[in-house]
PDB file of N, CA and C in Angstrom:
ATOM      1  N   ASN A   1       0.743  -0.937   0.021  1.00  0.00           N
ATOM      2  CA  ASN A   1      -0.066  -0.246   0.388  1.00  0.00           C
ATOM      3  C   ASN A   1       1.112   1.001   0.689  1.00  0.00           C
ATOM      4  N   LEU A   2       0.482   2.360  -0.937  1.00  0.00           N
ATOM      5  CA  LEU A   2       1.276   3.243  -1.061  1.00  0.00           C
ATOM      6  C   LEU A   2       2.332   4.339  -0.187  1.00  0.00           C
ATOM      7  N   TYR A   3       0.272   4.211   0.425  1.00  0.00           N
ATOM      8  CA  TYR A   3       0.076   5.350   1.570  1.00  0.00           C
ATOM      9  C   TYR A   3       0.579   4.946   2.644  1.00  0.00           C
ATOM     10  N   ASN A   4       0.645   3.568   2.927  1.00  0.00           N
ATOM     11  CA  ASN A   4       2.279   3.514   4.310  1.00  0.00           C
ATOM     12  C   ASN A   4       3.282   3.888   4.380  1.00  0.00           C
ATOM     13  N   ILE A   5       3.477   3.910   2.546  1.00  0.00           N
ATOM     14  CA  ILE A   5       5.172   4.646   3.338  1.00  0.00           C
ATOM     15  C   ILE A   5       5.692   5.681   2.297  1.00  0.00           C
ATOM     16  N   VAL A   6       4.838   6.610   1.943  1.00  0.00           N
ATOM     17  CA  VAL A   6       5.115   8.050   2.501  1.00  0.00           C
ATOM     18  C   VAL A   6       4.974   8.308   3.781  1.00  0.00           C
ATOM     19  N   GLN A   7       5.998   9.646   3.564  1.00  0.00           N
ATOM     20  CA  GLN A   7       6.340  10.269   4.273  1.00  0.00           C
ATOM     21  C   GLN A   7       5.491  11.291   4.710  1.00  0.00           C
ATOM     22  N   ARG A   8       5.083  11.855   3.912  1.00  0.00           N
ATOM     23  CA  ARG A   8       3.484  13.272   4.811  1.00  0.00           C
ATOM     24  C   ARG A   8       2.400  12.969   4.499  1.00  0.00           C
ATOM     25  N   LYS A   9       1.883  11.832   5.315  1.00  0.00           N
ATOM     26  CA  LYS A   9       0.538  11.205   4.873  1.00  0.00           C
ATOM     27  C   LYS A   9      -0.499  12.398   4.832  1.00  0.00           C
ATOM     28  N   GLU A  10      -0.430  13.936   5.659  1.00  0.00           N
ATOM     29  CA  GLU A  10      -1.574  14.241   5.706  1.00  0.00           C
ATOM     30  C   GLU A  10      -1.461  15.348   4.222  1.00  0.00           C
ATOM     31  N   ASP A  11      -1.093  14.748   3.111  1.00  0.00           N
ATOM     32  CA  ASP A  11      -1.087  15.867   1.673  1.00  0.00           C
ATOM     33  C   ASP A  11      -1.772  15.621   1.550  1.00  0.00           C
ATOM     34  N   TYR A  12      -2.685  16.529   0.941  1.00  0.00           N
ATOM     35  CA  TYR A  12      -3.809  16.776  -0.081  1.00  0.00           C
ATOM     36  C   TYR A  12      -3.131  16.141  -1.130  1.00  0.00           C
ATOM     37  N   VAL A  13      -4.168  15.189  -2.277  1.00  0.00           N
ATOM     38  CA  VAL A  13      -4.172  14.813  -3.337  1.00  0.00           C
ATOM     39  C   VAL A  13      -3.757  16.025  -4.812  1.00  0.00           C
ATOM     40  N   GLY A  14      -4.828  17.127  -3.781  1.00  0.00           N
ATOM     41  CA  GLY A  14      -4.597  18.422  -5.008  1.00  0.00           C
ATOM     42  C   GLY A  14      -3.203  19.302  -5.088  1.00  0.00           C
ATOM     43  N   THR A  15      -2.774  18.786  -3.720  1.00  0.00           N
ATOM     44  CA  THR A  15      -1.715  19.507  -3.544  1.00  0.00           C
ATOM     45  C   THR A  15      -0.518  18.943  -3.982  1.00  0.00           C
ATOM     46  N   VAL A  16      -0.087  17.439  -4.155  1.00  0.00           N
ATOM     47  CA  VAL A  16       0.744  17.036  -5.001  1.00  0.00           C
ATOM     48  C   VAL A  16       0.063  17.164  -5.725  1.00  0.00           C
ATOM     49  N   LEU A  17      -0.614  17.263  -6.936  1.00  0.00           N
ATOM     50  CA  LEU A  17      -1.032  16.538  -7.851  1.00  0.00           C
ATOM     51  C   LEU A  17      -0.124  18.450  -8.746  1.00  0.00           C
ATOM     52  N   GLN A  18      -0.572  19.716  -8.239  1.00  0.00           N
ATOM     53  CA  GLN A  18       0.225  21.043  -8.404  1.00  0.00           C
ATOM     54  C   GLN A  18       1.429  21.059  -8.970  1.00  0.00           C
ATOM     55  N   SER A  19       2.404  20.816  -8.408  1.00  0.00           N
ATOM     56  CA  SER A  19       3.202  20.969  -8.473  1.00  0.00           C
ATOM     57  C   SER A  19       4.182  19.898  -9.393  1.00  0.00           C
ATOM     58  N   VAL A  20       5.085  20.316 -10.015  1.00  0.00           N
ATOM     59  CA  VAL A  20       5.760  19.470 -11.647  1.00  0.00           C
ATOM     60  C   VAL A  20       7.386  19.415 -10.612  1.00  0.00           C
ATOM     61  N   PRO A  21       7.784  18.480 -10.076  1.00  0.00           N
ATOM     62  CA  PRO A  21       7.831  17.017 -10.888  1.00  0.00           C
ATOM     63  C   PRO A  21       6.596  17.341  -9.327  1.00  0.00           C
ATOM     64  N   LEU A  22       5.999  15.532  -9.219  1.00  0.00           N
ATOM     65  CA  LEU A  22       5.109  15.340  -7.813  1.00  0.00           C
ATOM     66  C   LEU A  22       5.639  15.932  -6.561  1.00  0.00           C
ATOM     67  N   ASN A  23       5.858  16.529  -5.496  1.00  0.00           N
ATOM     68  CA  ASN A  23       5.910  17.078  -4.436  1.00  0.00           C
ATOM     69  C   ASN A  23       4.897  15.672  -3.864  1.00  0.00           C
ATOM     70  N   ILE A  24       6.577  14.473  -3.642  1.00  0.00           N
ATOM     71  CA  ILE A  24       5.830  13.283  -2.620  1.00  0.00           C
ATOM     72  C   ILE A  24       7.286  12.444  -2.715  1.00  0.00           C
ATOM     73  N   GLN A  25       7.015  12.388  -1.412  1.00  0.00           N
ATOM     74  CA  GLN A  25       8.743  11.188  -0.766  1.00  0.00           C
ATOM     75  C   GLN A  25       8.116  10.429  -0.609  1.00  0.00           C
ATOM     76  N   PHE A  26       9.102   9.500  -0.828  1.00  0.00           N
ATOM     77  CA  PHE A  26       8.844   7.810   0.655  1.00  0.00           C
ATOM     78  C   PHE A  26       9.715   7.506   1.091  1.00  0.00           C
ATOM     79  N   ARG A  27       9.305   7.582   1.890  1.00  0.00           N
ATOM     80  CA  ARG A  27      10.875   6.145   2.961  1.00  0.00           C
ATOM     81  C   ARG A  27      11.078   5.161   2.895  1.00  0.00           C
ATOM     82  N   ARG A  28      10.973   4.841   1.855  1.00  0.00           N
ATOM     83  CA  ARG A  28      10.892   3.432   0.443  1.00  0.00           C
ATOM     84  C   ARG A  28      11.591   3.822  -1.014  1.00  0.00           C
ATOM     85  N   SER A  29      12.315   2.782  -1.348  1.00  0.00           N
ATOM     86  CA  SER A  29      12.100   3.034  -2.084  1.00  0.00           C
ATOM     87  C   SER A  29      11.499   2.548  -3.431  1.00  0.00           C
ATOM     88  N   LEU A  30      10.925   2.495  -4.108  1.00  0.00           N
ATOM     89  CA  LEU A  30       9.628   2.155  -4.983  1.00  0.00           C
ATOM     90  C   LEU A  30      10.501   0.937  -6.196  1.00  0.00           C
ATOM     91  N   VAL A  31       9.864  -0.403  -5.697  1.00  0.00           N
ATOM     92  CA  VAL A  31      10.690  -1.000  -6.618  1.00  0.00           C
ATOM     93  C   VAL A  31       9.806  -2.036  -6.291  1.00  0.00           C
ATOM     94  N   GLY A  32      10.115  -2.965  -7.828  1.00  0.00           N
ATOM     95  CA  GLY A  32       8.991  -4.293  -7.967  1.00  0.00           C
ATOM     96  C   GLY A  32       7.134  -4.007  -7.937  1.00  0.00           C
ATOM     97  N   GLU A  33       6.454  -4.409  -6.992  1.00  0.00           N
ATOM     98  CA  GLU A  33       5.130  -4.114  -7.027  1.00  0.00           C
ATOM     99  C   GLU A  33       5.261  -2.800  -7.494  1.00  0.00           C
ATOM    100  N   ARG A  34       5.586  -2.608  -5.824  1.00  0.00           N
ATOM    101  CA  ARG A  34       4.899  -0.976  -5.275  1.00  0.00           C
ATOM    102  C   ARG A  34       5.440   0.036  -6.693  1.00  0.00           C
ATOM    103  N   TRP A  35       6.290   0.063  -7.279  1.00  0.00           N
ATOM    104  CA  TRP A  35       6.628   0.683  -8.383  1.00  0.00           C
ATOM    105  C   TRP A  35       5.031   0.838  -9.391  1.00  0.00           C
ATOM    106  N   ASN A  36       5.007  -0.050  -9.704  1.00  0.00           N
ATOM    107  CA  ASN A  36       4.196  -0.685 -11.198  1.00  0.00           C
ATOM    108  C   ASN A  36       2.667  -0.292 -10.055  1.00  0.00           C
ATOM    109  N   SER A  37       3.049  -0.389  -8.795  1.00  0.00           N
ATOM    110  CA  SER A  37       1.489   0.378  -8.297  1.00  0.00           C
ATOM    111  C   SER A  37       1.671   2.008  -8.131  1.00  0.00           C
ATOM    112  N   TRP A  38       2.320   2.044  -8.657  1.00  0.00           N
ATOM    113  CA  TRP A  38       3.039   3.522  -8.284  1.00  0.00           C
ATOM    114  C   TRP A  38       2.979   3.838  -9.753  1.00  0.00           C
ATOM    115  N   LEU A  39       2.903   3.320 -10.930  1.00  0.00           N
ATOM    116  CA  LEU A  39       2.821   4.000 -12.261  1.00  0.00           C
ATOM    117  C   LEU A  39       1.090   3.822 -12.422  1.00  0.00           C
ATOM    118  N   HIS A  40       0.796   2.192 -11.671  1.00  0.00           N
ATOM    119  CA  HIS A  40      -0.311   2.411 -12.487  1.00  0.00           C
ATOM    120  C   HIS A  40      -1.269   3.969 -11.306  1.00  0.00           C
ATOM    121  N   LEU A  41      -1.082   4.085 -10.376  1.00  0.00           N
ATOM    122  CA  LEU A  41      -2.156   5.290  -9.924  1.00  0.00           C
ATOM    123  C   LEU A  41      -2.210   6.823 -10.455  1.00  0.00           C
ATOM    124  N   LEU A  42      -0.530   6.905 -10.952  1.00  0.00           N
ATOM    125  CA  LEU A  42      -0.068   8.213 -12.015  1.00  0.00           C
ATOM    126  C   LEU A  42      -1.063   7.899 -13.362  1.00  0.00           C
ATOM    127  N   ARG A  43      -1.036   6.760 -14.229  1.00  0.00           N
ATOM    128  CA  ARG A  43      -1.631   7.175 -14.655  1.00  0.00           C
ATOM    129  C   ARG A  43      -3.454   7.262 -15.141  1.00  0.00           C
ATOM    130  N   ARG A  44      -3.650   6.817 -13.251  1.00  0.00           N
ATOM    131  CA  ARG A  44      -5.004   7.052 -13.455  1.00  0.00           C
ATOM    132  C   ARG A  44      -5.326   8.565 -12.920  1.00  0.00           C
ATOM    133  N   LEU A  45      -5.138   8.620 -11.748  1.00  0.00           N
ATOM    134  CA  LEU A  45      -4.222  10.320 -12.114  1.00  0.00           C
ATOM    135  C   LEU A  45      -4.326  11.676 -12.766  1.00  0.00           C
ATOM    136  N   MET A  46      -4.118  10.975 -13.880  1.00  0.00           N
ATOM    137  CA  MET A  46      -3.569  12.281 -15.194  1.00  0.00           C
ATOM    138  C   MET A  46      -4.189  12.450 -15.255  1.00  0.00           C
ATOM    139  N   ASP A  47      -5.697  11.799 -15.570  1.00  0.00           N
ATOM    140  CA  ASP A  47      -6.933  12.974 -16.168  1.00  0.00           C
ATOM    141  C   ASP A  47      -7.845  13.395 -14.961  1.00  0.00           C
ATOM    142  N   VAL A  48      -7.745  13.282 -14.169  1.00  0.00           N
ATOM    143  CA  VAL A  48      -8.648  13.004 -12.264  1.00  0.00           C
ATOM    144  C   VAL A  48      -8.184  15.460 -12.665  1.00  0.00           C
ATOM    145  N   ARG A  49      -9.254  16.334 -13.286  1.00  0.00           N
ATOM    146  CA  ARG A  49      -9.629  17.060 -12.891  1.00  0.00           C
ATOM    147  C   ARG A  49     -10.080  18.040 -11.846  1.00  0.00           C
ATOM    148  N   LEU A  50      -9.343  18.332 -10.648  1.00  0.00           N
ATOM    149  CA  LEU A  50     -10.224  18.913  -9.374  1.00  0.00           C
ATOM    150  C   LEU A  50     -10.926  19.945  -9.651  1.00  0.00           C
ATOM    151  N   SER A  51     -11.257  20.253  -8.511  1.00  0.00           N
ATOM    152  CA  SER A  51     -12.039  21.445  -8.337  1.00  0.00           C
ATOM    153  C   SER A  51     -12.685  21.626  -6.784  1.00  0.00           C
ATOM    154  N   ASN A  52     -13.199  22.894  -6.953  1.00  0.00           N
ATOM    155  CA  ASN A  52     -13.532  23.673  -5.730  1.00  0.00           C
ATOM    156  C   ASN A  52     -14.920  23.158  -5.480  1.00  0.00           C
ATOM    157  N   GLN A  53     -15.324  22.895  -6.199  1.00  0.00           N
ATOM    158  CA  GLN A  53     -16.963  22.259  -5.593  1.00  0.00           C
ATOM    159  C   GLN A  53     -17.460  21.297  -5.033  1.00  0.00           C
ATOM    160  N   PRO A  54     -18.394  21.509  -4.527  1.00  0.00           N
ATOM    161  CA  PRO A  54     -18.842  20.754  -3.445  1.00  0.00           C
ATOM    162  C   PRO A  54     -18.908  19.318  -4.109  1.00  0.00           C
ATOM    163  N   ASP A  55     -18.459  18.023  -3.138  1.00  0.00           N
ATOM    164  CA  ASP A  55     -18.518  16.397  -4.235  1.00  0.00           C
ATOM    165  C   ASP A  55     -19.910  16.514  -3.754  1.00  0.00           C
ATOM    166  N   SER A  56     -20.168  15.721  -4.585  1.00  0.00           N
ATOM    167  CA  SER A  56     -21.207  14.417  -4.945  1.00  0.00           C
ATOM    168  C   SER A  56     -21.462  13.631  -5.152  1.00  0.00           C
ATOM    169  N   PHE A  57     -22.755  12.411  -5.034  1.00  0.00           N
ATOM    170  CA  PHE A  57     -22.751  11.036  -5.390  1.00  0.00           C
ATOM    171  C   PHE A  57     -23.819  11.096  -6.692  1.00  0.00           C
ATOM    172  N   HIS A  58     -23.044  10.346  -7.446  1.00  0.00           N
ATOM    173  CA  HIS A  58     -24.485   9.674  -8.327  1.00  0.00           C
ATOM    174  C   HIS A  58     -24.018   8.289  -8.632  1.00  0.00           C
ATOM    175  N   TRP A  59     -25.343   7.599  -8.401  1.00  0.00           N
ATOM    176  CA  TRP A  59     -25.608   6.299  -8.158  1.00  0.00           C
ATOM    177  C   TRP A  59     -25.652   5.853  -9.327  1.00  0.00           C
ATOM    178  N   LYS A  60     -25.111   4.978 -10.262  1.00  0.00           N
ATOM    179  CA  LYS A  60     -24.426   4.899 -11.694  1.00  0.00           C
ATOM    180  C   LYS A  60     -25.921   3.448 -11.859  1.00  0.00           C
ATOM    181  N   LEU A  61     -26.726   2.988 -11.373  1.00  0.00           N
ATOM    182  CA  LEU A  61     -27.965   2.164 -11.680  1.00  0.00           C
ATOM    183  C   LEU A  61     -28.855   2.569 -12.009  1.00  0.00           C
ATOM    184  N   ALA A  62     -29.350   3.270 -11.528  1.00  0.00           N
ATOM    185  CA  ALA A  62     -30.268   4.401 -11.665  1.00  0.00           C
ATOM    186  C   ALA A  62     -30.150   5.959 -12.594  1.00  0.00           C
ATOM    187  N   ARG A  63     -31.541   5.771 -13.157  1.00  0.00           N
ATOM    188  CA  ARG A  63     -31.579   7.229 -14.467  1.00  0.00           C
ATOM    189  C   ARG A  63     -31.629   8.274 -13.532  1.00  0.00           C
ATOM    190  N   ASN A  64     -32.045   8.023 -12.221  1.00  0.00           N
ATOM    191  CA  ASN A  64     -31.831   9.676 -11.539  1.00  0.00           C
ATOM    192  C   ASN A  64     -30.394   9.718 -10.795  1.00  0.00           C
ATOM    193  N   SER A  65     -29.703   8.841 -11.014  1.00  0.00           N
ATOM    194  CA  SER A  65     -28.939   8.558 -10.026  1.00  0.00           C
ATOM    195  C   SER A  65     -28.963   8.810  -8.667  1.00  0.00           C
ATOM    196  N   VAL A  66     -30.077   8.004  -8.219  1.00  0.00           N
ATOM    197  CA  VAL A  66     -30.054   8.421  -6.233  1.00  0.00           C
ATOM    198  C   VAL A  66     -30.291   7.147  -6.370  1.00  0.00           C
ATOM    199  N   PHE A  67     -29.461   6.452  -5.448  1.00  0.00           N
ATOM    200  CA  PHE A  67     -29.846   5.585  -4.519  1.00  0.00           C
ATOM    201  C   PHE A  67     -30.945   4.812  -3.845  1.00  0.00           C
ATOM    202  N   THR A  68     -30.903   3.498  -4.568  1.00  0.00           N
ATOM    203  CA  THR A  68     -32.739   2.949  -3.559  1.00  0.00           C
ATOM    204  C   THR A  68     -32.443   1.214  -3.851  1.00  0.00           C
ATOM    205  N   VAL A  69     -32.612   0.513  -2.692  1.00  0.00           N
ATOM    206  CA  VAL A  69     -32.599  -0.647  -2.577  1.00  0.00           C
ATOM    207  C   VAL A  69     -33.269  -1.680  -4.001  1.00  0.00           C
ATOM    208  N   LYS A  70     -34.468  -0.778  -4.423  1.00  0.00           N
ATOM    209  CA  LYS A  70     -35.261  -1.878  -5.479  1.00  0.00           C
ATOM    210  C   LYS A  70     -33.454  -1.216  -6.986  1.00  0.00           C
ATOM    211  N   SER A  71     -33.501  -0.010  -7.212  1.00  0.00           N
ATOM    212  CA  SER A  71     -32.019  -0.227  -7.628  1.00  0.00           C
ATOM    213  C   SER A  71     -30.953  -1.305  -7.907  1.00  0.00           C
ATOM    214  N   MET A  72     -31.115  -1.451  -6.258  1.00  0.00           N
ATOM    215  CA  MET A  72     -29.348  -2.110  -6.121  1.00  0.00           C
ATOM    216  C   MET A  72     -30.184  -3.710  -6.656  1.00  0.00           C
ATOM    217  N   TYR A  73     -31.161  -4.440  -5.820  1.00  0.00           N
ATOM    218  CA  TYR A  73     -31.879  -5.154  -6.063  1.00  0.00           C
ATOM    219  C   TYR A  73     -32.009  -5.459  -8.031  1.00  0.00           C
ATOM    220  N   MET A  74     -32.405  -4.986  -8.719  1.00  0.00           N
ATOM    221  CA  MET A  74     -32.607  -5.159  -9.549  1.00  0.00           C
ATOM    222  C   MET A  74     -31.395  -5.153 -10.675  1.00  0.00           C
ATOM    223  N   ASP A  75     -30.243  -5.460 -10.183  1.00  0.00           N
ATOM    224  CA  ASP A  75     -28.774  -4.862 -10.625  1.00  0.00           C
ATOM    225  C   ASP A  75     -28.668  -6.263 -10.230  1.00  0.00           C
ATOM    226  N   LEU A  76     -28.723  -6.405  -8.971  1.00  0.00           N
ATOM    227  CA  LEU A  76     -27.948  -8.162  -8.513  1.00  0.00           C
ATOM    228  C   LEU A  76     -28.601  -8.758  -9.260  1.00  0.00           C
ATOM    229  N   ILE A  77     -29.973  -9.420  -9.556  1.00  0.00           N
ATOM    230  CA  ILE A  77     -30.594 -10.474  -9.741  1.00  0.00           C
ATOM    231  C   ILE A  77     -30.356 -10.194 -11.410  1.00  0.00           C
ATOM    232  N   ASN A  78     -30.338  -9.128 -12.184  1.00  0.00           N
ATOM    233  CA  ASN A  78     -29.583  -8.761 -13.961  1.00  0.00           C
ATOM    234  C   ASN A  78     -28.132  -9.291 -14.104  1.00  0.00           C
ATOM    235  N   SER A  79     -27.134  -9.224 -12.522  1.00  0.00           N
ATOM    236  CA  SER A  79     -26.282  -9.793 -12.729  1.00  0.00           C
ATOM    237  C   SER A  79     -25.503 -11.421 -13.038  1.00  0.00           C
ATOM    238  N   SER A  80     -24.384 -11.694 -12.732  1.00  0.00           N
ATOM    239  CA  SER A  80     -24.109 -12.838 -12.366  1.00  0.00           C
ATOM    240  C   SER A  80     -24.279 -13.328 -11.410  1.00  0.00           C
ATOM    241  N   PRO A  81     -24.630 -14.546 -10.903  1.00  0.00           N
ATOM    242  CA  PRO A  81     -24.994 -15.137  -9.745  1.00  0.00           C
ATOM    243  C   PRO A  81     -23.698 -14.815  -8.940  1.00  0.00           C
ATOM    244  N   THR A  82     -24.310 -14.353  -7.127  1.00  0.00           N
ATOM    245  CA  THR A  82     -23.539 -14.210  -6.854  1.00  0.00           C
ATOM    246  C   THR A  82     -23.112 -15.794  -5.897  1.00  0.00           C
ATOM    247  N   PRO A  83     -21.363 -15.771  -5.140  1.00  0.00           N
ATOM    248  CA  PRO A  83     -21.367 -16.886  -4.843  1.00  0.00           C
ATOM    249  C   PRO A  83     -22.745 -16.758  -3.401  1.00  0.00           C
ATOM    250  N   ARG A  84     -22.571 -17.866  -2.944  1.00  0.00           N
ATOM    251  CA  ARG A  84     -23.490 -18.168  -1.339  1.00  0.00           C
ATOM    252  C   ARG A  84     -22.614 -17.827  -0.247  1.00  0.00           C
ATOM    253  N   SER A  85     -21.523 -17.989   0.062  1.00  0.00           N
ATOM    254  CA  SER A  85     -20.225 -17.276   0.818  1.00  0.00           C
ATOM    255  C   SER A  85     -20.622 -16.682   1.035  1.00  0.00           C
ATOM    256  N   THR A  86     -20.784 -15.175   0.093  1.00  0.00           N
ATOM    257  CA  THR A  86     -20.652 -13.762   0.132  1.00  0.00           C
ATOM    258  C   THR A  86     -21.913 -12.989   1.047  1.00  0.00           C
ATOM    259  N   ASN A  87     -21.551 -12.339   1.969  1.00  0.00           N
ATOM    260  CA  ASN A  87     -22.801 -11.819   2.716  1.00  0.00           C
ATOM    261  C   ASN A  87     -23.045 -10.284   2.179  1.00  0.00           C
ATOM    262  N   ILE A  88     -23.724 -10.389   1.340  1.00  0.00           N
ATOM    263  CA  ILE A  88     -24.601  -9.568   0.204  1.00  0.00           C
ATOM    264  C   ILE A  88     -25.167  -8.158   1.205  1.00  0.00           C
ATOM    265  N   TRP A  89     -26.280  -9.183   2.178  1.00  0.00           N
ATOM    266  CA  TRP A  89     -26.798  -8.704   3.147  1.00  0.00           C
ATOM    267  C   TRP A  89     -25.975  -7.387   3.928  1.00  0.00           C
ATOM    268  N   LYS A  90     -24.782  -7.980   4.464  1.00  0.00           N
ATOM    269  CA  LYS A  90     -24.234  -6.808   5.655  1.00  0.00           C
ATOM    270  C   LYS A  90     -22.970  -5.472   5.448  1.00  0.00           C
ATOM    271  N   VAL A  91     -23.344  -5.530   3.777  1.00  0.00           N
ATOM    272  CA  VAL A  91     -22.098  -4.224   2.640  1.00  0.00           C
ATOM    273  C   VAL A  91     -23.138  -3.065   3.350  1.00  0.00           C
ATOM    274  N   LYS A  92     -21.923  -2.373   3.117  1.00  0.00           N
ATOM    275  CA  LYS A  92     -22.800  -0.986   3.904  1.00  0.00           C
ATOM    276  C   LYS A  92     -22.709  -0.462   2.348  1.00  0.00           C
ATOM    277  N   VAL A  93     -24.415   0.043   1.725  1.00  0.00           N
ATOM    278  CA  VAL A  93     -23.639   1.046   0.660  1.00  0.00           C
ATOM    279  C   VAL A  93     -24.624   2.503   1.212  1.00  0.00           C
ATOM    280  N   PRO A  94     -24.152   3.795   0.484  1.00  0.00           N
ATOM    281  CA  PRO A  94     -25.059   4.185   0.457  1.00  0.00           C
ATOM    282  C   PRO A  94     -25.929   4.651   1.002  1.00  0.00           C
TER     283      PRO A  94
END
C-alpha cells in the first residue's frame, strides 16, 4: 500500500498534483510491485481534474442517480450469480 510508505500522509492529493515534479517523498524506494502500483496510480490520476465544488454522489444503477434498494436489487438479479459465501446483506451501501 503506497499510503503506508509515503512520508507526509497529511498532504492533499490536489496539493501533490499541482507541483512539477510531484511534491511527494517516500520513506522507502519503490521497486517491483510497489513501483508498478505507483505508475498505475499516476496513470489513473493524470486525467483527474479537481475543483473546489462540493462533492456529489451519483448512483450509476439508477436513471436519476439516486440510490434505491430496488435499483440495487435489480442489478443483483440481472447480473452474474453471487456466490453463496458472500454476505451481501451485510454490505454497507450509500
